[in-house]
């Protein structure tokens, strides 16, 4: 599966932004899709993931209630709706695909994700 993330931009604190991750490949719906971010000088960190087949959503604690991950299999697209944005979420955001046989424990680390999009920059000004 090939992934392409887009939708980033420059916004002000408190604004909303929706990122999209477009996928190619007929087996897209089988994969767990995760969003990660990497700020300058920091390690890549987990943001959210969606397991469509199980209907489960996963979030890092700091974004719960403000970010929402969803997917539209008909459009082969996963979304990350980000509301009430804060300056500290400024980073390059990546979407990634994880083989479905991994359990939820592996969703939080980038190590097992085999497919990556190119990243889209989100800048939140305070």
PDB file of N, CA and C in Angstrom:
ATOM      1  N   UNK A   1       0.847  -1.177   0.000  1.00  0.00           N
ATOM      2  CA  UNK A   1       0.000   0.000   0.000  1.00  0.00           C
ATOM      3  C   UNK A   1       0.891   1.239   0.000  1.00  0.00           C
ATOM      4  N   UNK A   2       0.504   2.240  -0.792  1.00  0.00           N
ATOM      5  CA  UNK A   2       1.234   3.507  -0.832  1.00  0.00           C
ATOM      6  C   UNK A   2       0.381   4.591  -0.199  1.00  0.00           C
ATOM      7  N   UNK A   3       1.014   5.445   0.586  1.00  0.00           N
ATOM      8  CA  UNK A   3       0.287   6.458   1.347  1.00  0.00           C
ATOM      9  C   UNK A   3       0.796   7.852   1.005  1.00  0.00           C
ATOM     10  N   UNK A   4      -0.111   8.804   1.023  1.00  0.00           N
ATOM     11  CA  UNK A   4       0.251  10.200   0.802  1.00  0.00           C
ATOM     12  C   UNK A   4      -0.528  11.067   1.775  1.00  0.00           C
ATOM     13  N   UNK A   5       0.189  11.767   2.619  1.00  0.00           N
ATOM     14  CA  UNK A   5      -0.438  12.658   3.588  1.00  0.00           C
ATOM     15  C   UNK A   5      -0.466  14.081   3.052  1.00  0.00           C
ATOM     16  N   UNK A   6      -1.553  14.778   3.314  1.00  0.00           N
ATOM     17  CA  UNK A   6      -1.642  16.181   2.908  1.00  0.00           C
ATOM     18  C   UNK A   6      -2.653  16.893   3.793  1.00  0.00           C
ATOM     19  N   UNK A   7      -2.694  18.191   3.658  1.00  0.00           N
ATOM     20  CA  UNK A   7      -3.654  18.985   4.426  1.00  0.00           C
ATOM     21  C   UNK A   7      -3.019  19.858   5.493  1.00  0.00           C
ATOM     22  N   UNK A   8      -1.702  19.772   5.668  1.00  0.00           N
ATOM     23  CA  UNK A   8      -1.054  20.613   6.660  1.00  0.00           C
ATOM     24  C   UNK A   8      -1.045  22.070   6.251  1.00  0.00           C
ATOM     25  N   UNK A   9      -0.607  22.896   7.165  1.00  0.00           N
ATOM     26  CA  UNK A   9      -0.550  24.319   6.877  1.00  0.00           C
ATOM     27  C   UNK A   9      -0.234  25.122   8.118  1.00  0.00           C
ATOM     28  N   UNK A  10      -0.318  26.428   7.972  1.00  0.00           N
ATOM     29  CA  UNK A  10      -0.069  27.358   9.080  1.00  0.00           C
ATOM     30  C   UNK A  10      -1.409  27.833   9.620  1.00  0.00           C
ATOM     31  N   UNK A  11      -1.632  27.593  10.894  1.00  0.00           N
ATOM     32  CA  UNK A  11      -2.866  28.020  11.531  1.00  0.00           C
ATOM     33  C   UNK A  11      -2.538  28.685  12.854  1.00  0.00           C
ATOM     34  N   UNK A  12      -3.544  29.307  13.443  1.00  0.00           N
ATOM     35  CA  UNK A  12      -3.370  29.954  14.742  1.00  0.00           C
ATOM     36  C   UNK A  12      -3.844  29.008  15.848  1.00  0.00           C
ATOM     37  N   UNK A  13      -3.325  29.231  17.039  1.00  0.00           N
ATOM     38  CA  UNK A  13      -3.758  28.445  18.193  1.00  0.00           C
ATOM     39  C   UNK A  13      -5.271  28.558  18.346  1.00  0.00           C
ATOM     40  N   UNK A  14      -5.899  27.425  18.600  1.00  0.00           N
ATOM     41  CA  UNK A  14      -7.345  27.390  18.729  1.00  0.00           C
ATOM     42  C   UNK A  14      -8.071  27.017  17.452  1.00  0.00           C
ATOM     43  N   UNK A  15      -7.379  27.082  16.330  1.00  0.00           N
ATOM     44  CA  UNK A  15      -7.988  26.737  15.046  1.00  0.00           C
ATOM     45  C   UNK A  15      -8.087  25.226  14.886  1.00  0.00           C
ATOM     46  N   UNK A  16      -8.723  24.826  13.804  1.00  0.00           N
ATOM     47  CA  UNK A  16      -8.852  23.407  13.451  1.00  0.00           C
ATOM     48  C   UNK A  16      -8.181  23.148  12.109  1.00  0.00           C
ATOM     49  N   UNK A  17      -7.820  21.905  11.913  1.00  0.00           N
ATOM     50  CA  UNK A  17      -7.190  21.490  10.665  1.00  0.00           C
ATOM     51  C   UNK A  17      -7.514  20.019  10.458  1.00  0.00           C
ATOM     52  N   UNK A  18      -7.734  19.642   9.225  1.00  0.00           N
ATOM     53  CA  UNK A  18      -7.974  18.237   8.934  1.00  0.00           C
ATOM     54  C   UNK A  18      -6.905  17.726   7.991  1.00  0.00           C
ATOM     55  N   UNK A  19      -6.212  16.705   8.424  1.00  0.00           N
ATOM     56  CA  UNK A  19      -5.222  16.048   7.585  1.00  0.00           C
ATOM     57  C   UNK A  19      -5.868  14.856   6.890  1.00  0.00           C
ATOM     58  N   UNK A  20      -5.367  14.577   5.714  1.00  0.00           N
ATOM     59  CA  UNK A  20      -5.854  13.419   4.959  1.00  0.00           C
ATOM     60  C   UNK A  20      -4.689  12.517   4.602  1.00  0.00           C
ATOM     61  N   UNK A  21      -4.970  11.248   4.554  1.00  0.00           N
ATOM     62  CA  UNK A  21      -3.980  10.255   4.146  1.00  0.00           C
ATOM     63  C   UNK A  21      -4.624   9.413   3.059  1.00  0.00           C
ATOM     64  N   UNK A  22      -4.193   9.638   1.841  1.00  0.00           N
ATOM     65  CA  UNK A  22      -4.750   8.909   0.706  1.00  0.00           C
ATOM     66  C   UNK A  22      -3.909   7.672   0.441  1.00  0.00           C
ATOM     67  N   UNK A  23      -4.574   6.576   0.241  1.00  0.00           N
ATOM     68  CA  UNK A  23      -3.874   5.304   0.047  1.00  0.00           C
ATOM     69  C   UNK A  23      -4.216   4.699  -1.295  1.00  0.00           C
ATOM     70  N   UNK A  24      -3.270   4.009  -1.843  1.00  0.00           N
ATOM     71  CA  UNK A  24      -3.509   3.237  -3.061  1.00  0.00           C
ATOM     72  C   UNK A  24      -3.363   1.762  -2.714  1.00  0.00           C
ATOM     73  N   UNK A  25      -4.049   0.930  -3.465  1.00  0.00           N
ATOM     74  CA  UNK A  25      -3.985  -0.490  -3.165  1.00  0.00           C
ATOM     75  C   UNK A  25      -5.335  -1.022  -2.786  1.00  0.00           C
ATOM     76  N   UNK A  26      -5.702  -2.125  -3.359  1.00  0.00           N
ATOM     77  CA  UNK A  26      -7.039  -2.667  -3.149  1.00  0.00           C
ATOM     78  C   UNK A  26      -7.235  -3.237  -1.765  1.00  0.00           C
ATOM     79  N   UNK A  27      -6.154  -3.505  -1.030  1.00  0.00           N
ATOM     80  CA  UNK A  27      -6.290  -4.102   0.296  1.00  0.00           C
ATOM     81  C   UNK A  27      -6.172  -3.068   1.402  1.00  0.00           C
ATOM     82  N   UNK A  28      -6.384  -1.811   1.047  1.00  0.00           N
ATOM     83  CA  UNK A  28      -6.218  -0.727   2.007  1.00  0.00           C
ATOM     84  C   UNK A  28      -6.998  -0.955   3.280  1.00  0.00           C
ATOM     85  N   UNK A  29      -8.211  -1.412   3.184  1.00  0.00           N
ATOM     86  CA  UNK A  29      -9.074  -1.514   4.355  1.00  0.00           C
ATOM     87  C   UNK A  29      -8.553  -2.515   5.377  1.00  0.00           C
ATOM     88  N   UNK A  30      -7.660  -3.396   4.988  1.00  0.00           N
ATOM     89  CA  UNK A  30      -7.145  -4.394   5.923  1.00  0.00           C
ATOM     90  C   UNK A  30      -6.142  -3.807   6.904  1.00  0.00           C
ATOM     91  N   UNK A  31      -5.474  -2.747   6.519  1.00  0.00           N
ATOM     92  CA  UNK A  31      -4.361  -2.245   7.308  1.00  0.00           C
ATOM     93  C   UNK A  31      -4.822  -1.329   8.434  1.00  0.00           C
ATOM     94  N   UNK A  32      -4.066  -1.390   9.516  1.00  0.00           N
ATOM     95  CA  UNK A  32      -4.183  -0.373  10.551  1.00  0.00           C
ATOM     96  C   UNK A  32      -3.455   0.866  10.039  1.00  0.00           C
ATOM     97  N   UNK A  33      -4.092   2.012  10.133  1.00  0.00           N
ATOM     98  CA  UNK A  33      -3.474   3.258   9.703  1.00  0.00           C
ATOM     99  C   UNK A  33      -3.228   4.132  10.926  1.00  0.00           C
ATOM    100  N   UNK A  34      -2.018   4.578  11.045  1.00  0.00           N
ATOM    101  CA  UNK A  34      -1.661   5.433  12.163  1.00  0.00           C
ATOM    102  C   UNK A  34      -1.160   6.786  11.704  1.00  0.00           C
ATOM    103  N   UNK A  35      -1.294   7.748  12.591  1.00  0.00           N
ATOM    104  CA  UNK A  35      -0.705   9.074  12.395  1.00  0.00           C
ATOM    105  C   UNK A  35       0.410   9.259  13.424  1.00  0.00           C
ATOM    106  N   UNK A  36       1.529   9.732  12.950  1.00  0.00           N
ATOM    107  CA  UNK A  36       2.662  10.062  13.803  1.00  0.00           C
ATOM    108  C   UNK A  36       3.072  11.501  13.511  1.00  0.00           C
ATOM    109  N   UNK A  37       3.834  12.065  14.413  1.00  0.00           N
ATOM    110  CA  UNK A  37       4.359  13.413  14.169  1.00  0.00           C
ATOM    111  C   UNK A  37       5.791  13.489  14.680  1.00  0.00           C
ATOM    112  N   UNK A  38       6.504  14.396  14.075  1.00  0.00           N
ATOM    113  CA  UNK A  38       7.892  14.607  14.473  1.00  0.00           C
ATOM    114  C   UNK A  38       8.195  16.086  14.451  1.00  0.00           C
ATOM    115  N   UNK A  39       8.491  16.603  15.627  1.00  0.00           N
ATOM    116  CA  UNK A  39       8.878  17.996  15.764  1.00  0.00           C
ATOM    117  C   UNK A  39      10.394  18.100  15.611  1.00  0.00           C
ATOM    118  N   UNK A  40      10.904  19.273  15.258  1.00  0.00           N
ATOM    119  CA  UNK A  40      12.350  19.439  15.088  1.00  0.00           C
ATOM    120  C   UNK A  40      13.113  19.028  16.330  1.00  0.00           C
ATOM    121  N   UNK A  41      14.104  18.170  16.154  1.00  0.00           N
ATOM    122  CA  UNK A  41      14.937  17.750  17.267  1.00  0.00           C
ATOM    123  C   UNK A  41      14.333  16.708  18.168  1.00  0.00           C
ATOM    124  N   UNK A  42      13.155  16.220  17.804  1.00  0.00           N
ATOM    125  CA  UNK A  42      12.480  15.229  18.640  1.00  0.00           C
ATOM    126  C   UNK A  42      12.239  13.941  17.864  1.00  0.00           C
ATOM    127  N   UNK A  43      11.970  12.898  18.614  1.00  0.00           N
ATOM    128  CA  UNK A  43      11.668  11.625  17.992  1.00  0.00           C
ATOM    129  C   UNK A  43      10.238  11.618  17.445  1.00  0.00           C
ATOM    130  N   UNK A  44      10.042  10.746  16.495  1.00  0.00           N
ATOM    131  CA  UNK A  44       8.702  10.577  15.931  1.00  0.00           C
ATOM    132  C   UNK A  44       7.805   9.939  16.995  1.00  0.00           C
ATOM    133  N   UNK A  45       6.615  10.491  17.167  1.00  0.00           N
ATOM    134  CA  UNK A  45       5.736   9.996  18.208  1.00  0.00           C
ATOM    135  C   UNK A  45       4.351   9.690  17.680  1.00  0.00           C
ATOM    136  N   UNK A  46       3.732   8.750  18.338  1.00  0.00           N
ATOM    137  CA  UNK A  46       2.396   8.307  17.965  1.00  0.00           C
ATOM    138  C   UNK A  46       1.363   9.386  18.258  1.00  0.00           C
ATOM    139  N   UNK A  47       0.388   9.525  17.367  1.00  0.00           N
ATOM    140  CA  UNK A  47      -0.706  10.464  17.583  1.00  0.00           C
ATOM    141  C   UNK A  47      -2.036   9.710  17.680  1.00  0.00           C
ATOM    142  N   UNK A  48      -2.334   8.906  16.689  1.00  0.00           N
ATOM    143  CA  UNK A  48      -3.611   8.188  16.657  1.00  0.00           C
ATOM    144  C   UNK A  48      -3.528   7.044  15.668  1.00  0.00           C
ATOM    145  N   UNK A  49      -4.411   6.074  15.836  1.00  0.00           N
ATOM    146  CA  UNK A  49      -4.469   4.945  14.901  1.00  0.00           C
ATOM    147  C   UNK A  49      -5.897   4.439  14.818  1.00  0.00           C
ATOM    148  N   UNK A  50      -6.196   3.822  13.698  1.00  0.00           N
ATOM    149  CA  UNK A  50      -7.529   3.271  13.505  1.00  0.00           C
ATOM    150  C   UNK A  50      -7.432   1.864  12.952  1.00  0.00           C
ATOM    151  N   UNK A  51      -8.140   0.971  13.605  1.00  0.00           N
ATOM    152  CA  UNK A  51      -8.267  -0.401  13.139  1.00  0.00           C
ATOM    153  C   UNK A  51      -9.704  -0.547  12.661  1.00  0.00           C
ATOM    154  N   UNK A  52      -9.862  -0.481  11.354  1.00  0.00           N
ATOM    155  CA  UNK A  52     -11.211  -0.464  10.798  1.00  0.00           C
ATOM    156  C   UNK A  52     -11.952  -1.761  11.046  1.00  0.00           C
ATOM    157  N   UNK A  53     -11.265  -2.870  10.880  1.00  0.00           N
ATOM    158  CA  UNK A  53     -11.944  -4.167  10.974  1.00  0.00           C
ATOM    159  C   UNK A  53     -12.477  -4.418  12.380  1.00  0.00           C
ATOM    160  N   UNK A  54     -11.788  -3.878  13.389  1.00  0.00           N
ATOM    161  CA  UNK A  54     -12.236  -4.051  14.765  1.00  0.00           C
ATOM    162  C   UNK A  54     -13.032  -2.853  15.263  1.00  0.00           C
ATOM    163  N   UNK A  55     -13.064  -1.797  14.472  1.00  0.00           N
ATOM    164  CA  UNK A  55     -13.790  -0.612  14.892  1.00  0.00           C
ATOM    165  C   UNK A  55     -13.186   0.071  16.092  1.00  0.00           C
ATOM    166  N   UNK A  56     -11.867   0.007  16.218  1.00  0.00           N
ATOM    167  CA  UNK A  56     -11.210   0.599  17.383  1.00  0.00           C
ATOM    168  C   UNK A  56     -10.351   1.784  16.989  1.00  0.00           C
ATOM    169  N   UNK A  57     -10.340   2.765  17.877  1.00  0.00           N
ATOM    170  CA  UNK A  57      -9.546   3.959  17.694  1.00  0.00           C
ATOM    171  C   UNK A  57      -8.555   4.073  18.841  1.00  0.00           C
ATOM    172  N   UNK A  58      -7.384   4.596  18.537  1.00  0.00           N
ATOM    173  CA  UNK A  58      -6.336   4.723  19.536  1.00  0.00           C
ATOM    174  C   UNK A  58      -5.778   6.138  19.461  1.00  0.00           C
ATOM    175  N   UNK A  59      -5.551   6.752  20.632  1.00  0.00           N
ATOM    176  CA  UNK A  59      -5.028   8.119  20.685  1.00  0.00           C
ATOM    177  C   UNK A  59      -3.956   8.225  21.763  1.00  0.00           C
ATOM    178  N   UNK A  60      -3.020   9.134  21.521  1.00  0.00           N
ATOM    179  CA  UNK A  60      -2.137   9.490  22.627  1.00  0.00           C
ATOM    180  C   UNK A  60      -2.952  10.357  23.574  1.00  0.00           C
ATOM    181  N   UNK A  61      -2.600  10.294  24.844  1.00  0.00           N
ATOM    182  CA  UNK A  61      -3.409  10.961  25.865  1.00  0.00           C
ATOM    183  C   UNK A  61      -3.562  12.458  25.620  1.00  0.00           C
ATOM    184  N   UNK A  62      -2.516  13.096  25.155  1.00  0.00           N
ATOM    185  CA  UNK A  62      -2.534  14.556  25.041  1.00  0.00           C
ATOM    186  C   UNK A  62      -3.468  15.069  23.951  1.00  0.00           C
ATOM    187  N   UNK A  63      -3.932  14.209  23.068  1.00  0.00           N
ATOM    188  CA  UNK A  63      -4.804  14.673  21.984  1.00  0.00           C
ATOM    189  C   UNK A  63      -6.240  14.176  22.139  1.00  0.00           C
ATOM    190  N   UNK A  64      -6.475  13.348  23.128  1.00  0.00           N
ATOM    191  CA  UNK A  64      -7.832  12.829  23.335  1.00  0.00           C
ATOM    192  C   UNK A  64      -8.810  13.971  23.569  1.00  0.00           C
ATOM    193  N   UNK A  65      -9.922  13.920  22.893  1.00  0.00           N
ATOM    194  CA  UNK A  65     -10.926  14.970  23.006  1.00  0.00           C
ATOM    195  C   UNK A  65     -10.717  16.119  22.042  1.00  0.00           C
ATOM    196  N   UNK A  66      -9.556  16.207  21.443  1.00  0.00           N
ATOM    197  CA  UNK A  66      -9.287  17.298  20.484  1.00  0.00           C
ATOM    198  C   UNK A  66      -9.026  16.789  19.084  1.00  0.00           C
ATOM    199  N   UNK A  67      -8.463  15.584  18.962  1.00  0.00           N
ATOM    200  CA  UNK A  67      -8.177  14.995  17.653  1.00  0.00           C
ATOM    201  C   UNK A  67      -9.121  13.819  17.426  1.00  0.00           C
ATOM    202  N   UNK A  68      -9.517  13.633  16.187  1.00  0.00           N
ATOM    203  CA  UNK A  68     -10.384  12.523  15.829  1.00  0.00           C
ATOM    204  C   UNK A  68      -9.856  11.865  14.563  1.00  0.00           C
ATOM    205  N   UNK A  69      -9.640  10.571  14.638  1.00  0.00           N
ATOM    206  CA  UNK A  69      -9.201   9.822  13.467  1.00  0.00           C
ATOM    207  C   UNK A  69     -10.398   9.088  12.888  1.00  0.00           C
ATOM    208  N   UNK A  70     -10.479   9.057  11.577  1.00  0.00           N
ATOM    209  CA  UNK A  70     -11.564   8.360  10.902  1.00  0.00           C
ATOM    210  C   UNK A  70     -11.060   7.884   9.548  1.00  0.00           C
ATOM    211  N   UNK A  71     -11.823   7.030   8.925  1.00  0.00           N
ATOM    212  CA  UNK A  71     -11.409   6.559   7.610  1.00  0.00           C
ATOM    213  C   UNK A  71     -12.638   6.362   6.731  1.00  0.00           C
ATOM    214  N   UNK A  72     -12.420   6.526   5.458  1.00  0.00           N
ATOM    215  CA  UNK A  72     -13.444   6.299   4.449  1.00  0.00           C
ATOM    216  C   UNK A  72     -12.868   5.292   3.467  1.00  0.00           C
ATOM    217  N   UNK A  73     -13.237   4.046   3.628  1.00  0.00           N
ATOM    218  CA  UNK A  73     -12.655   3.003   2.790  1.00  0.00           C
ATOM    219  C   UNK A  73     -13.058   3.157   1.331  1.00  0.00           C
ATOM    220  N   UNK A  74     -14.231   3.711   1.092  1.00  0.00           N
ATOM    221  CA  UNK A  74     -14.660   3.912  -0.290  1.00  0.00           C
ATOM    222  C   UNK A  74     -13.743   4.898  -1.006  1.00  0.00           C
ATOM    223  N   UNK A  75     -13.171   5.831  -0.243  1.00  0.00           N
ATOM    224  CA  UNK A  75     -12.261   6.821  -0.821  1.00  0.00           C
ATOM    225  C   UNK A  75     -10.803   6.473  -0.537  1.00  0.00           C
ATOM    226  N   UNK A  76     -10.570   5.340   0.117  1.00  0.00           N
ATOM    227  CA  UNK A  76      -9.203   4.951   0.473  1.00  0.00           C
ATOM    228  C   UNK A  76      -8.476   6.066   1.201  1.00  0.00           C
ATOM    229  N   UNK A  77      -9.146   6.675   2.147  1.00  0.00           N
ATOM    230  CA  UNK A  77      -8.587   7.838   2.829  1.00  0.00           C
ATOM    231  C   UNK A  77      -8.826   7.740   4.332  1.00  0.00           C
ATOM    232  N   UNK A  78      -7.803   8.115   5.082  1.00  0.00           N
ATOM    233  CA  UNK A  78      -7.902   8.252   6.530  1.00  0.00           C
ATOM    234  C   UNK A  78      -7.730   9.722   6.873  1.00  0.00           C
ATOM    235  N   UNK A  79      -8.517  10.210   7.813  1.00  0.00           N
ATOM    236  CA  UNK A  79      -8.487  11.609   8.195  1.00  0.00           C
ATOM    237  C   UNK A  79      -8.026  11.759   9.644  1.00  0.00           C
ATOM    238  N   UNK A  80      -7.425  12.879   9.909  1.00  0.00           N
ATOM    239  CA  UNK A  80      -7.116  13.272  11.282  1.00  0.00           C
ATOM    240  C   UNK A  80      -7.654  14.682  11.464  1.00  0.00           C
ATOM    241  N   UNK A  81      -8.776  14.774  12.138  1.00  0.00           N
ATOM    242  CA  UNK A  81      -9.364  16.064  12.454  1.00  0.00           C
ATOM    243  C   UNK A  81      -8.730  16.588  13.725  1.00  0.00           C
ATOM    244  N   UNK A  82      -8.156  17.760  13.659  1.00  0.00           N
ATOM    245  CA  UNK A  82      -7.454  18.331  14.801  1.00  0.00           C
ATOM    246  C   UNK A  82      -8.136  19.640  15.178  1.00  0.00           C
ATOM    247  N   UNK A  83      -8.673  19.680  16.371  1.00  0.00           N
ATOM    248  CA  UNK A  83      -9.371  20.860  16.870  1.00  0.00           C
ATOM    249  C   UNK A  83      -8.619  21.463  18.049  1.00  0.00           C
ATOM    250  N   UNK A  84      -8.939  22.703  18.333  1.00  0.00           N
ATOM    251  CA  UNK A  84      -8.321  23.414  19.465  1.00  0.00           C
ATOM    252  C   UNK A  84      -6.807  23.245  19.444  1.00  0.00           C
ATOM    253  N   UNK A  85      -6.239  23.568  18.320  1.00  0.00           N
ATOM    254  CA  UNK A  85      -4.814  23.342  18.143  1.00  0.00           C
ATOM    255  C   UNK A  85      -3.976  24.225  19.058  1.00  0.00           C
ATOM    256  N   UNK A  86      -2.874  23.647  19.503  1.00  0.00           N
ATOM    257  CA  UNK A  86      -1.930  24.358  20.360  1.00  0.00           C
ATOM    258  C   UNK A  86      -0.581  24.417  19.659  1.00  0.00           C
ATOM    259  N   UNK A  87       0.211  25.371  20.056  1.00  0.00           N
ATOM    260  CA  UNK A  87       1.521  25.565  19.415  1.00  0.00           C
ATOM    261  C   UNK A  87       2.407  24.331  19.556  1.00  0.00           C
ATOM    262  N   UNK A  88       2.254  23.608  20.649  1.00  0.00           N
ATOM    263  CA  UNK A  88       3.145  22.464  20.885  1.00  0.00           C
ATOM    264  C   UNK A  88       2.883  21.277  19.961  1.00  0.00           C
ATOM    265  N   UNK A  89       1.829  21.324  19.150  1.00  0.00           N
ATOM    266  CA  UNK A  89       1.594  20.220  18.217  1.00  0.00           C
ATOM    267  C   UNK A  89       2.237  20.488  16.859  1.00  0.00           C
ATOM    268  N   UNK A  90       2.954  21.595  16.766  1.00  0.00           N
ATOM    269  CA  UNK A  90       3.662  21.894  15.526  1.00  0.00           C
ATOM    270  C   UNK A  90       4.656  20.785  15.217  1.00  0.00           C
ATOM    271  N   UNK A  91       4.538  20.208  14.020  1.00  0.00           N
ATOM    272  CA  UNK A  91       5.391  19.083  13.646  1.00  0.00           C
ATOM    273  C   UNK A  91       5.077  18.681  12.211  1.00  0.00           C
ATOM    274  N   UNK A  92       5.895  17.801  11.694  1.00  0.00           N
ATOM    275  CA  UNK A  92       5.559  17.130  10.448  1.00  0.00           C
ATOM    276  C   UNK A  92       4.735  15.900  10.809  1.00  0.00           C
ATOM    277  N   UNK A  93       3.584  15.766  10.181  1.00  0.00           N
ATOM    278  CA  UNK A  93       2.689  14.663  10.469  1.00  0.00           C
ATOM    279  C   UNK A  93       2.777  13.628   9.343  1.00  0.00           C
ATOM    280  N   UNK A  94       2.898  12.382   9.762  1.00  0.00           N
ATOM    281  CA  UNK A  94       3.018  11.281   8.825  1.00  0.00           C
ATOM    282  C   UNK A  94       1.876  10.291   9.045  1.00  0.00           C
ATOM    283  N   UNK A  95       1.389   9.721   7.974  1.00  0.00           N
ATOM    284  CA  UNK A  95       0.500   8.580   8.120  1.00  0.00           C
ATOM    285  C   UNK A  95       1.288   7.321   7.745  1.00  0.00           C
ATOM    286  N   UNK A  96       0.895   6.229   8.349  1.00  0.00           N
ATOM    287  CA  UNK A  96       1.641   4.990   8.165  1.00  0.00           C
ATOM    288  C   UNK A  96       0.697   3.800   8.216  1.00  0.00           C
ATOM    289  N   UNK A  97       1.087   2.745   7.542  1.00  0.00           N
ATOM    290  CA  UNK A  97       0.278   1.535   7.485  1.00  0.00           C
ATOM    291  C   UNK A  97       0.949   0.380   8.211  1.00  0.00           C
ATOM    292  N   UNK A  98       0.150  -0.318   8.982  1.00  0.00           N
ATOM    293  CA  UNK A  98       0.637  -1.441   9.783  1.00  0.00           C
ATOM    294  C   UNK A  98      -0.099  -2.704   9.363  1.00  0.00           C
ATOM    295  N   UNK A  99       0.642  -3.772   9.181  1.00  0.00           N
ATOM    296  CA  UNK A  99       0.014  -5.037   8.817  1.00  0.00           C
ATOM    297  C   UNK A  99      -1.004  -5.434   9.879  1.00  0.00           C
ATOM    298  N   UNK A 100      -2.140  -5.974   9.466  1.00  0.00           N
ATOM    299  CA  UNK A 100      -3.249  -6.200  10.385  1.00  0.00           C
ATOM    300  C   UNK A 100      -3.023  -7.283  11.432  1.00  0.00           C
ATOM    301  N   UNK A 101      -1.984  -8.120  11.280  1.00  0.00           N
ATOM    302  CA  UNK A 101      -1.823  -9.190  12.262  1.00  0.00           C
ATOM    303  C   UNK A 101      -1.136  -8.727  13.547  1.00  0.00           C
ATOM    304  N   UNK A 102      -0.706  -7.462  13.573  1.00  0.00           N
ATOM    305  CA  UNK A 102      -0.126  -6.935  14.805  1.00  0.00           C
ATOM    306  C   UNK A 102      -1.245  -6.550  15.769  1.00  0.00           C
ATOM    307  N   UNK A 103      -1.027  -6.808  17.048  1.00  0.00           N
ATOM    308  CA  UNK A 103      -2.012  -6.444  18.055  1.00  0.00           C
ATOM    309  C   UNK A 103      -1.878  -4.964  18.399  1.00  0.00           C
ATOM    310  N   UNK A 104      -2.837  -4.466  19.168  1.00  0.00           N
ATOM    311  CA  UNK A 104      -2.863  -3.061  19.520  1.00  0.00           C
ATOM    312  C   UNK A 104      -1.624  -2.572  20.242  1.00  0.00           C
ATOM    313  N   UNK A 105      -0.926  -3.446  20.906  1.00  0.00           N
ATOM    314  CA  UNK A 105       0.291  -3.059  21.624  1.00  0.00           C
ATOM    315  C   UNK A 105       1.304  -2.401  20.694  1.00  0.00           C
ATOM    316  N   UNK A 106       1.318  -2.828  19.455  1.00  0.00           N
ATOM    317  CA  UNK A 106       2.314  -2.349  18.497  1.00  0.00           C
ATOM    318  C   UNK A 106       1.888  -1.063  17.800  1.00  0.00           C
ATOM    319  N   UNK A 107       0.685  -0.614  18.030  1.00  0.00           N
ATOM    320  CA  UNK A 107       0.200   0.543  17.286  1.00  0.00           C
ATOM    321  C   UNK A 107       0.927   1.823  17.663  1.00  0.00           C
ATOM    322  N   UNK A 108       1.466   1.866  18.880  1.00  0.00           N
ATOM    323  CA  UNK A 108       1.993   3.105  19.435  1.00  0.00           C
ATOM    324  C   UNK A 108       3.438   3.397  19.052  1.00  0.00           C
ATOM    325  N   UNK A 109       4.094   2.434  18.451  1.00  0.00           N
ATOM    326  CA  UNK A 109       5.491   2.625  18.065  1.00  0.00           C
ATOM    327  C   UNK A 109       5.600   2.639  16.549  1.00  0.00           C
ATOM    328  N   UNK A 110       6.445   3.515  16.005  1.00  0.00           N
ATOM    329  CA  UNK A 110       6.592   3.555  14.549  1.00  0.00           C
ATOM    330  C   UNK A 110       7.335   2.344  13.984  1.00  0.00           C
ATOM    331  N   UNK A 111       7.969   1.564  14.842  1.00  0.00           N
ATOM    332  CA  UNK A 111       8.886   0.518  14.387  1.00  0.00           C
ATOM    333  C   UNK A 111       8.243  -0.531  13.492  1.00  0.00           C
ATOM    334  N   UNK A 112       6.982  -0.896  13.766  1.00  0.00           N
ATOM    335  CA  UNK A 112       6.352  -1.994  13.020  1.00  0.00           C
ATOM    336  C   UNK A 112       5.605  -1.524  11.779  1.00  0.00           C
ATOM    337  N   UNK A 113       5.444  -0.239  11.642  1.00  0.00           N
ATOM    338  CA  UNK A 113       4.717   0.267  10.478  1.00  0.00           C
ATOM    339  C   UNK A 113       5.608   0.147   9.245  1.00  0.00           C
ATOM    340  N   UNK A 114       5.108  -0.535   8.240  1.00  0.00           N
ATOM    341  CA  UNK A 114       5.928  -0.823   7.064  1.00  0.00           C
ATOM    342  C   UNK A 114       5.748   0.187   5.944  1.00  0.00           C
ATOM    343  N   UNK A 115       4.658   0.929   5.974  1.00  0.00           N
ATOM    344  CA  UNK A 115       4.340   1.827   4.871  1.00  0.00           C
ATOM    345  C   UNK A 115       4.176   3.242   5.417  1.00  0.00           C
ATOM    346  N   UNK A 116       4.834   4.189   4.760  1.00  0.00           N
ATOM    347  CA  UNK A 116       4.839   5.575   5.237  1.00  0.00           C
ATOM    348  C   UNK A 116       4.547   6.539   4.113  1.00  0.00           C
ATOM    349  N   UNK A 117       3.775   7.568   4.446  1.00  0.00           N
ATOM    350  CA  UNK A 117       3.591   8.681   3.544  1.00  0.00           C
ATOM    351  C   UNK A 117       4.730   9.671   3.713  1.00  0.00           C
ATOM    352  N   UNK A 118       4.729  10.722   2.926  1.00  0.00           N
ATOM    353  CA  UNK A 118       5.860  11.643   2.888  1.00  0.00           C
ATOM    354  C   UNK A 118       5.812  12.705   3.970  1.00  0.00           C
ATOM    355  N   UNK A 119       4.706  12.853   4.659  1.00  0.00           N
ATOM    356  CA  UNK A 119       4.621  13.847   5.726  1.00  0.00           C
ATOM    357  C   UNK A 119       4.052  15.162   5.251  1.00  0.00           C
ATOM    358  N   UNK A 120       3.335  15.811   6.155  1.00  0.00           N
ATOM    359  CA  UNK A 120       2.791  17.137   5.867  1.00  0.00           C
ATOM    360  C   UNK A 120       3.009  18.007   7.093  1.00  0.00           C
ATOM    361  N   UNK A 121       3.459  19.236   6.878  1.00  0.00           N
ATOM    362  CA  UNK A 121       3.859  20.115   7.966  1.00  0.00           C
ATOM    363  C   UNK A 121       2.654  20.858   8.535  1.00  0.00           C
ATOM    364  N   UNK A 122       2.521  20.773   9.846  1.00  0.00           N
ATOM    365  CA  UNK A 122       1.506  21.526  10.574  1.00  0.00           C
ATOM    366  C   UNK A 122       2.230  22.523  11.468  1.00  0.00           C
ATOM    367  N   UNK A 123       1.921  23.793  11.298  1.00  0.00           N
ATOM    368  CA  UNK A 123       2.520  24.836  12.114  1.00  0.00           C
ATOM    369  C   UNK A 123       1.408  25.604  12.795  1.00  0.00           C
ATOM    370  N   UNK A 124       1.469  25.630  14.118  1.00  0.00           N
ATOM    371  CA  UNK A 124       0.460  26.344  14.894  1.00  0.00           C
ATOM    372  C   UNK A 124       1.140  27.518  15.571  1.00  0.00           C
ATOM    373  N   UNK A 125       0.703  28.706  15.240  1.00  0.00           N
ATOM    374  CA  UNK A 125       1.291  29.902  15.841  1.00  0.00           C
ATOM    375  C   UNK A 125       0.491  30.296  17.074  1.00  0.00           C
ATOM    376  N   UNK A 126       1.199  30.749  18.081  1.00  0.00           N
ATOM    377  CA  UNK A 126       0.534  31.126  19.338  1.00  0.00           C
ATOM    378  C   UNK A 126       0.219  32.599  19.379  1.00  0.00           C
TER     379      UNK A 126
END
